[in-house]
Amino acid sequence: MKNLVYIKGTNKGLVLQLDDQCSYTDLLKELQAKVSDPALEGSAEVQISLGNRYCTEAQIKEITEITQKNTELHVVGVKSDVLTVAECNQRVLEQQSETYVGIVRSGQVVKADGDLVVVGDVNPNGRIVAGGNIYVLGRLKGIAHAGANGNRDAVIAASWLEATHLQIDDMLEIMTDELTVLSEQPEMECAYLHKSGSIIIDRLQELRFLRPEISTFKGGS
């Protein structure tokens, strides 16, 4: 008989992987049996994985309540691989790019849901914000915030990287003298969020190795 609920232990607690092909009724029956099993001892935090099964908020609440009938289990999250319409629309927006031609002046804010290309300079106290990557074909002297919707893989690239503040996702870096000295001539550079959690500045040529997925060009030799 096929197991409909798989229980996996991790260093953070338990993961309940729910079968996404069976009927919802059968799934609840087995979930009830599994969480009531006396062999399941000790308190634990539980992450529930729905896989490709779409569940309404009411069904997620029901699954959570059944799991927590075992008072030793505390559900800390429910993960689904199914995208909602809103999430799908947001991803489409984030994959698009917008181009701004002109100078971003002091006090001005330019925003884009996806990638942002600025053909011109960003003056001190000018601010550019993008859900995706930022590319400045000019002098970036102001404030740049890439990955504003939670994209930690976003990058900031500029012909002249002289920004006062760089931010990727929620990580903010104030460009001190120590950072700007990385390059005597701040030309053709990019900034990215290292796995250590720090914003790193590198040569623009390294971007193809740092973020190979950025390139979508097909063909050529």
C-alpha atoms as a PDB file:
ATOM      1  CA  MET A   1       0.000   0.000   0.000  1.00  0.00           C
ATOM      2  CA  LYS A   2       1.342   3.403  -0.965  1.00  0.00           C
ATOM      3  CA  ASN A   3       2.251   5.778   1.833  1.00  0.00           C
ATOM      4  CA  LEU A   4       0.408   9.071   1.476  1.00  0.00           C
ATOM      5  CA  VAL A   5       2.273  10.875   4.261  1.00  0.00           C
ATOM      6  CA  TYR A   6       6.035  10.720   4.589  1.00  0.00           C
ATOM      7  CA  ILE A   7       7.686  11.894   7.803  1.00  0.00           C
ATOM      8  CA  LYS A   8      11.273  13.059   7.573  1.00  0.00           C
ATOM      9  CA  GLY A   9      13.413  14.241  10.446  1.00  0.00           C
ATOM     10  CA  THR A  10      15.785  17.180   9.990  1.00  0.00           C
ATOM     11  CA  ASN A  11      18.014  19.190  12.304  1.00  0.00           C
ATOM     12  CA  LYS A  12      15.207  21.771  12.449  1.00  0.00           C
ATOM     13  CA  GLY A  13      12.373  19.370  13.269  1.00  0.00           C
ATOM     14  CA  LEU A  14      10.058  17.288  11.103  1.00  0.00           C
ATOM     15  CA  VAL A  15       8.907  17.580   7.498  1.00  0.00           C
ATOM     16  CA  LEU A  16       5.554  16.040   6.565  1.00  0.00           C
ATOM     17  CA  GLN A  17       5.557  15.376   2.821  1.00  0.00           C
ATOM     18  CA  LEU A  18       1.960  14.909   1.676  1.00  0.00           C
ATOM     19  CA  ASP A  19       1.125  12.921  -1.452  1.00  0.00           C
ATOM     20  CA  ASP A  20      -0.232  15.269  -4.120  1.00  0.00           C
ATOM     21  CA  GLN A  21      -1.960  12.644  -6.317  1.00  0.00           C
ATOM     22  CA  CYS A  22      -4.366  10.902  -3.926  1.00  0.00           C
ATOM     23  CA  SER A  23      -7.813  12.098  -2.899  1.00  0.00           C
ATOM     24  CA  TYR A  24      -7.983  14.780  -0.237  1.00  0.00           C
ATOM     25  CA  THR A  25     -10.166  12.556   1.982  1.00  0.00           C
ATOM     26  CA  ASP A  26      -7.675   9.671   1.879  1.00  0.00           C
ATOM     27  CA  LEU A  27      -4.860  12.085   2.642  1.00  0.00           C
ATOM     28  CA  LEU A  28      -6.578  13.388   5.780  1.00  0.00           C
ATOM     29  CA  LYS A  29      -7.253   9.857   7.019  1.00  0.00           C
ATOM     30  CA  GLU A  30      -3.614   8.861   6.748  1.00  0.00           C
ATOM     31  CA  LEU A  31      -2.406  12.161   8.201  1.00  0.00           C
ATOM     32  CA  GLN A  32      -4.630  11.604  11.226  1.00  0.00           C
ATOM     33  CA  ALA A  33      -3.228   8.091  11.668  1.00  0.00           C
ATOM     34  CA  LYS A  34       0.400   9.161  11.265  1.00  0.00           C
ATOM     35  CA  VAL A  35       0.320  12.034  13.758  1.00  0.00           C
ATOM     36  CA  SER A  36      -1.545   9.822  16.271  1.00  0.00           C
ATOM     37  CA  ASP A  37       1.065   7.061  16.101  1.00  0.00           C
ATOM     38  CA  PRO A  38       2.517   6.467  19.626  1.00  0.00           C
ATOM     39  CA  ALA A  39       5.909   5.918  17.991  1.00  0.00           C
ATOM     40  CA  LEU A  40       5.977   9.636  17.177  1.00  0.00           C
ATOM     41  CA  GLU A  41       7.442  10.831  20.453  1.00  0.00           C
ATOM     42  CA  GLY A  42       8.845  14.147  21.629  1.00  0.00           C
ATOM     43  CA  SER A  43       7.979  17.732  20.785  1.00  0.00           C
ATOM     44  CA  ALA A  44       8.968  19.002  17.361  1.00  0.00           C
ATOM     45  CA  GLU A  45       8.452  21.860  14.945  1.00  0.00           C
ATOM     46  CA  VAL A  46       6.791  20.692  11.742  1.00  0.00           C
ATOM     47  CA  GLN A  47       7.044  21.933   8.170  1.00  0.00           C
ATOM     48  CA  ILE A  48       4.238  20.629   5.931  1.00  0.00           C
ATOM     49  CA  SER A  49       5.022  20.154   2.233  1.00  0.00           C
ATOM     50  CA  LEU A  50       2.009  19.994  -0.119  1.00  0.00           C
ATOM     51  CA  GLY A  51       4.011  19.337  -3.276  1.00  0.00           C
ATOM     52  CA  ASN A  52       1.925  20.045  -6.386  1.00  0.00           C
ATOM     53  CA  ARG A  53      -1.396  19.833  -4.557  1.00  0.00           C
ATOM     54  CA  TYR A  54      -3.444  23.033  -4.532  1.00  0.00           C
ATOM     55  CA  CYS A  55      -5.163  23.632  -1.191  1.00  0.00           C
ATOM     56  CA  THR A  56      -7.542  26.386  -0.201  1.00  0.00           C
ATOM     57  CA  GLU A  57      -6.896  28.352   2.965  1.00  0.00           C
ATOM     58  CA  ALA A  58      -9.620  26.324   4.673  1.00  0.00           C
ATOM     59  CA  GLN A  59      -7.926  23.042   3.687  1.00  0.00           C
ATOM     60  CA  ILE A  60      -4.523  24.280   4.866  1.00  0.00           C
ATOM     61  CA  LYS A  61      -6.130  25.203   8.175  1.00  0.00           C
ATOM     62  CA  GLU A  62      -7.701  21.742   8.408  1.00  0.00           C
ATOM     63  CA  ILE A  63      -4.397  19.982   7.683  1.00  0.00           C
ATOM     64  CA  THR A  64      -2.649  22.143  10.285  1.00  0.00           C
ATOM     65  CA  GLU A  65      -5.306  21.466  12.925  1.00  0.00           C
ATOM     66  CA  ILE A  66      -5.170  17.696  12.363  1.00  0.00           C
ATOM     67  CA  THR A  67      -1.384  17.742  12.700  1.00  0.00           C
ATOM     68  CA  GLN A  68      -1.523  19.778  15.897  1.00  0.00           C
ATOM     69  CA  LYS A  69      -4.028  17.436  17.520  1.00  0.00           C
ATOM     70  CA  ASN A  70      -0.788  15.817  18.580  1.00  0.00           C
ATOM     71  CA  THR A  71       0.081  18.486  21.128  1.00  0.00           C
ATOM     72  CA  GLU A  72       3.790  17.676  20.752  1.00  0.00           C
ATOM     73  CA  LEU A  73       3.753  18.899  17.159  1.00  0.00           C
ATOM     74  CA  HIS A  74       3.835  22.593  16.245  1.00  0.00           C
ATOM     75  CA  VAL A  75       3.331  23.554  12.594  1.00  0.00           C
ATOM     76  CA  VAL A  76       5.718  26.380  11.690  1.00  0.00           C
ATOM     77  CA  GLY A  77       5.074  26.518   7.959  1.00  0.00           C
ATOM     78  CA  VAL A  78       3.195  25.086   4.980  1.00  0.00           C
ATOM     79  CA  LYS A  79       5.037  24.937   1.654  1.00  0.00           C
ATOM     80  CA  SER A  80       3.424  24.475  -1.753  1.00  0.00           C
ATOM     81  CA  ASP A  81       5.004  24.186  -5.204  1.00  0.00           C
ATOM     82  CA  VAL A  82       1.814  25.549  -6.783  1.00  0.00           C
ATOM     83  CA  LEU A  83       1.910  29.204  -7.822  1.00  0.00           C
ATOM     84  CA  THR A  84      -1.130  31.370  -7.206  1.00  0.00           C
ATOM     85  CA  VAL A  85      -2.307  33.700  -9.978  1.00  0.00           C
ATOM     86  CA  ALA A  86      -0.921  36.658  -8.025  1.00  0.00           C
ATOM     87  CA  GLU A  87       2.487  34.970  -7.626  1.00  0.00           C
ATOM     88  CA  CYS A  88       2.536  34.056 -11.321  1.00  0.00           C
ATOM     89  CA  ASN A  89       1.714  37.616 -12.355  1.00  0.00           C
ATOM     90  CA  GLN A  90       4.419  38.951 -10.041  1.00  0.00           C
ATOM     91  CA  ARG A  91       7.005  36.633 -11.601  1.00  0.00           C
ATOM     92  CA  VAL A  92       6.042  37.799 -15.081  1.00  0.00           C
ATOM     93  CA  LEU A  93       6.529  41.410 -13.983  1.00  0.00           C
ATOM     94  CA  GLU A  94       9.879  40.621 -12.399  1.00  0.00           C
ATOM     95  CA  GLN A  95      11.133  38.990 -15.600  1.00  0.00           C
ATOM     96  CA  GLN A  96      10.373  42.078 -17.668  1.00  0.00           C
ATOM     97  CA  SER A  97      12.711  45.010 -18.037  1.00  0.00           C
ATOM     98  CA  GLU A  98      12.052  48.738 -18.189  1.00  0.00           C
ATOM     99  CA  THR A  99      14.324  51.413 -19.611  1.00  0.00           C
ATOM    100  CA  TYR A 100      14.663  54.956 -18.295  1.00  0.00           C
ATOM    101  CA  VAL A 101      16.506  57.419 -20.529  1.00  0.00           C
ATOM    102  CA  GLY A 102      17.758  60.563 -18.872  1.00  0.00           C
ATOM    103  CA  ILE A 103      19.342  61.818 -15.688  1.00  0.00           C
ATOM    104  CA  VAL A 104      17.904  60.666 -12.349  1.00  0.00           C
ATOM    105  CA  ARG A 105      18.199  63.886 -10.409  1.00  0.00           C
ATOM    106  CA  SER A 106      18.649  64.489  -6.678  1.00  0.00           C
ATOM    107  CA  GLY A 107      15.445  63.601  -4.818  1.00  0.00           C
ATOM    108  CA  GLN A 108      13.974  61.720  -7.789  1.00  0.00           C
ATOM    109  CA  VAL A 109      12.926  58.052  -7.484  1.00  0.00           C
ATOM    110  CA  VAL A 110      12.689  55.702 -10.470  1.00  0.00           C
ATOM    111  CA  LYS A 111      11.121  52.268  -9.886  1.00  0.00           C
ATOM    112  CA  ALA A 112      10.600  49.100 -11.927  1.00  0.00           C
ATOM    113  CA  ASP A 113       8.886  45.802 -11.075  1.00  0.00           C
ATOM    114  CA  GLY A 114      11.500  43.804 -12.995  1.00  0.00           C
ATOM    115  CA  ASP A 115      14.940  44.763 -14.305  1.00  0.00           C
ATOM    116  CA  LEU A 116      15.718  48.460 -14.642  1.00  0.00           C
ATOM    117  CA  VAL A 117      18.011  49.899 -17.287  1.00  0.00           C
ATOM    118  CA  VAL A 118      19.015  53.540 -16.810  1.00  0.00           C
ATOM    119  CA  VAL A 119      20.589  55.188 -19.847  1.00  0.00           C
ATOM    120  CA  GLY A 120      22.103  58.185 -18.129  1.00  0.00           C
ATOM    121  CA  ASP A 121      23.537  59.224 -14.786  1.00  0.00           C
ATOM    122  CA  VAL A 122      22.043  58.771 -11.342  1.00  0.00           C
ATOM    123  CA  ASN A 123      22.980  61.893  -9.402  1.00  0.00           C
ATOM    124  CA  PRO A 124      23.753  61.968  -5.648  1.00  0.00           C
ATOM    125  CA  ASN A 125      20.501  61.518  -3.653  1.00  0.00           C
ATOM    126  CA  GLY A 126      18.789  60.163  -6.759  1.00  0.00           C
ATOM    127  CA  ARG A 127      17.258  56.733  -6.070  1.00  0.00           C
ATOM    128  CA  ILE A 128      16.609  53.781  -8.382  1.00  0.00           C
ATOM    129  CA  VAL A 129      14.681  50.709  -7.243  1.00  0.00           C
ATOM    130  CA  ALA A 130      14.050  47.441  -9.101  1.00  0.00           C
ATOM    131  CA  GLY A 131      12.441  44.108  -8.301  1.00  0.00           C
ATOM    132  CA  GLY A 132      15.156  42.550 -10.469  1.00  0.00           C
ATOM    133  CA  ASN A 133      18.581  43.703 -11.641  1.00  0.00           C
ATOM    134  CA  ILE A 134      19.793  47.270 -12.163  1.00  0.00           C
ATOM    135  CA  TYR A 135      21.975  48.320 -15.086  1.00  0.00           C
ATOM    136  CA  VAL A 136      23.198  51.914 -15.325  1.00  0.00           C
ATOM    137  CA  LEU A 137      24.756  53.048 -18.607  1.00  0.00           C
ATOM    138  CA  GLY A 138      26.309  56.083 -16.981  1.00  0.00           C
ATOM    139  CA  ARG A 139      27.489  57.222 -13.561  1.00  0.00           C
ATOM    140  CA  LEU A 140      25.729  55.704 -10.581  1.00  0.00           C
ATOM    141  CA  LYS A 141      26.382  58.301  -7.862  1.00  0.00           C
ATOM    142  CA  GLY A 142      23.167  57.972  -5.889  1.00  0.00           C
ATOM    143  CA  ILE A 143      21.246  55.125  -4.261  1.00  0.00           C
ATOM    144  CA  ALA A 144      20.468  51.807  -5.949  1.00  0.00           C
ATOM    145  CA  HIS A 145      18.207  49.056  -4.570  1.00  0.00           C
ATOM    146  CA  ALA A 146      18.002  45.827  -6.598  1.00  0.00           C
ATOM    147  CA  GLY A 147      15.983  42.714  -5.743  1.00  0.00           C
ATOM    148  CA  ALA A 148      13.505  44.890  -3.857  1.00  0.00           C
ATOM    149  CA  ASN A 149      10.856  42.138  -3.866  1.00  0.00           C
ATOM    150  CA  GLY A 150      13.118  39.609  -2.178  1.00  0.00           C
ATOM    151  CA  ASN A 151      15.434  38.587  -5.021  1.00  0.00           C
ATOM    152  CA  ARG A 152      18.791  37.938  -3.368  1.00  0.00           C
ATOM    153  CA  ASP A 153      20.380  36.974  -6.709  1.00  0.00           C
ATOM    154  CA  ALA A 154      19.816  40.434  -8.188  1.00  0.00           C
ATOM    155  CA  VAL A 155      22.843  42.479  -9.231  1.00  0.00           C
ATOM    156  CA  ILE A 156      23.693  46.148  -9.705  1.00  0.00           C
ATOM    157  CA  ALA A 157      25.943  47.021 -12.640  1.00  0.00           C
ATOM    158  CA  ALA A 158      27.146  50.406 -13.809  1.00  0.00           C
ATOM    159  CA  SER A 159      29.549  52.000 -16.259  1.00  0.00           C
ATOM    160  CA  TRP A 160      30.849  54.053 -13.303  1.00  0.00           C
ATOM    161  CA  LEU A 161      29.944  52.645  -9.890  1.00  0.00           C
ATOM    162  CA  GLU A 162      30.228  55.582  -7.497  1.00  0.00           C
ATOM    163  CA  ALA A 163      27.057  55.021  -5.450  1.00  0.00           C
ATOM    164  CA  THR A 164      26.587  56.303  -1.911  1.00  0.00           C
ATOM    165  CA  HIS A 165      24.298  53.393  -0.958  1.00  0.00           C
ATOM    166  CA  LEU A 166      23.836  49.949  -2.487  1.00  0.00           C
ATOM    167  CA  GLN A 167      21.042  47.620  -1.416  1.00  0.00           C
ATOM    168  CA  ILE A 168      20.208  44.101  -2.607  1.00  0.00           C
ATOM    169  CA  ASP A 169      17.061  42.572  -1.119  1.00  0.00           C
ATOM    170  CA  ASP A 170      17.254  43.711   2.534  1.00  0.00           C
ATOM    171  CA  MET A 171      21.048  44.012   2.707  1.00  0.00           C
ATOM    172  CA  LEU A 172      22.233  47.637   2.699  1.00  0.00           C
ATOM    173  CA  GLU A 173      25.819  48.706   2.132  1.00  0.00           C
ATOM    174  CA  ILE A 174      26.971  52.285   2.684  1.00  0.00           C
ATOM    175  CA  MET A 175      29.797  53.003   0.290  1.00  0.00           C
ATOM    176  CA  THR A 176      32.598  54.081   2.601  1.00  0.00           C
ATOM    177  CA  ASP A 177      36.104  55.075   1.551  1.00  0.00           C
ATOM    178  CA  GLU A 178      37.239  51.535   2.335  1.00  0.00           C
ATOM    179  CA  LEU A 179      34.873  50.093  -0.263  1.00  0.00           C
ATOM    180  CA  THR A 180      35.438  52.669  -2.964  1.00  0.00           C
ATOM    181  CA  VAL A 181      39.193  52.123  -2.724  1.00  0.00           C
ATOM    182  CA  LEU A 182      38.586  48.636  -4.153  1.00  0.00           C
ATOM    183  CA  SER A 183      38.880  50.310  -7.514  1.00  0.00           C
ATOM    184  CA  GLU A 184      41.022  53.371  -8.201  1.00  0.00           C
ATOM    185  CA  GLN A 185      38.855  53.970 -11.243  1.00  0.00           C
ATOM    186  CA  PRO A 186      35.272  52.808 -10.465  1.00  0.00           C
ATOM    187  CA  GLU A 187      34.530  51.869 -14.073  1.00  0.00           C
ATOM    188  CA  MET A 188      32.504  48.905 -15.360  1.00  0.00           C
ATOM    189  CA  GLU A 189      31.760  47.250 -12.042  1.00  0.00           C
ATOM    190  CA  CYS A 190      28.948  45.219 -10.527  1.00  0.00           C
ATOM    191  CA  ALA A 191      27.688  44.531  -7.026  1.00  0.00           C
ATOM    192  CA  TYR A 192      26.131  41.274  -5.874  1.00  0.00           C
ATOM    193  CA  LEU A 193      25.091  39.623  -2.636  1.00  0.00           C
ATOM    194  CA  HIS A 194      27.623  37.011  -1.565  1.00  0.00           C
ATOM    195  CA  LYS A 195      26.466  33.834   0.193  1.00  0.00           C
ATOM    196  CA  SER A 196      28.121  35.224   3.334  1.00  0.00           C
ATOM    197  CA  GLY A 197      25.471  37.969   3.368  1.00  0.00           C
ATOM    198  CA  SER A 198      27.793  40.801   2.349  1.00  0.00           C
ATOM    199  CA  ILE A 199      27.552  42.927  -0.782  1.00  0.00           C
ATOM    200  CA  ILE A 200      30.625  42.372  -2.941  1.00  0.00           C
ATOM    201  CA  ILE A 201      31.905  44.655  -5.706  1.00  0.00           C
ATOM    202  CA  ASP A 202      33.654  43.059  -8.665  1.00  0.00           C
ATOM    203  CA  ARG A 203      34.607  43.734 -12.256  1.00  0.00           C
ATOM    204  CA  LEU A 204      31.679  43.769 -14.657  1.00  0.00           C
ATOM    205  CA  GLN A 205      33.389  41.086 -16.742  1.00  0.00           C
ATOM    206  CA  GLU A 206      32.929  38.645 -13.856  1.00  0.00           C
ATOM    207  CA  LEU A 207      29.139  38.930 -14.058  1.00  0.00           C
ATOM    208  CA  ARG A 208      28.843  36.129 -16.613  1.00  0.00           C
ATOM    209  CA  PHE A 209      30.465  33.759 -14.106  1.00  0.00           C
ATOM    210  CA  LEU A 210      28.754  35.144 -10.998  1.00  0.00           C
ATOM    211  CA  ARG A 211      25.223  35.112 -12.470  1.00  0.00           C
ATOM    212  CA  PRO A 212      25.275  33.019 -15.686  1.00  0.00           C
ATOM    213  CA  GLU A 213      21.456  32.806 -15.656  1.00  0.00           C
ATOM    214  CA  ILE A 214      21.216  36.514 -16.479  1.00  0.00           C
ATOM    215  CA  SER A 215      22.216  35.862 -20.088  1.00  0.00           C
ATOM    216  CA  THR A 216      19.227  34.774 -22.201  1.00  0.00           C
ATOM    217  CA  PHE A 217      20.922  35.244 -25.586  1.00  0.00           C
ATOM    218  CA  LYS A 218      20.486  32.333 -27.997  1.00  0.00           C
ATOM    219  CA  GLY A 219      22.649  31.606 -31.001  1.00  0.00           C
ATOM    220  CA  GLY A 220      25.954  33.104 -32.087  1.00  0.00           C
ATOM    221  CA  SER A 221      29.294  31.407 -32.031  1.00  0.00           C
END
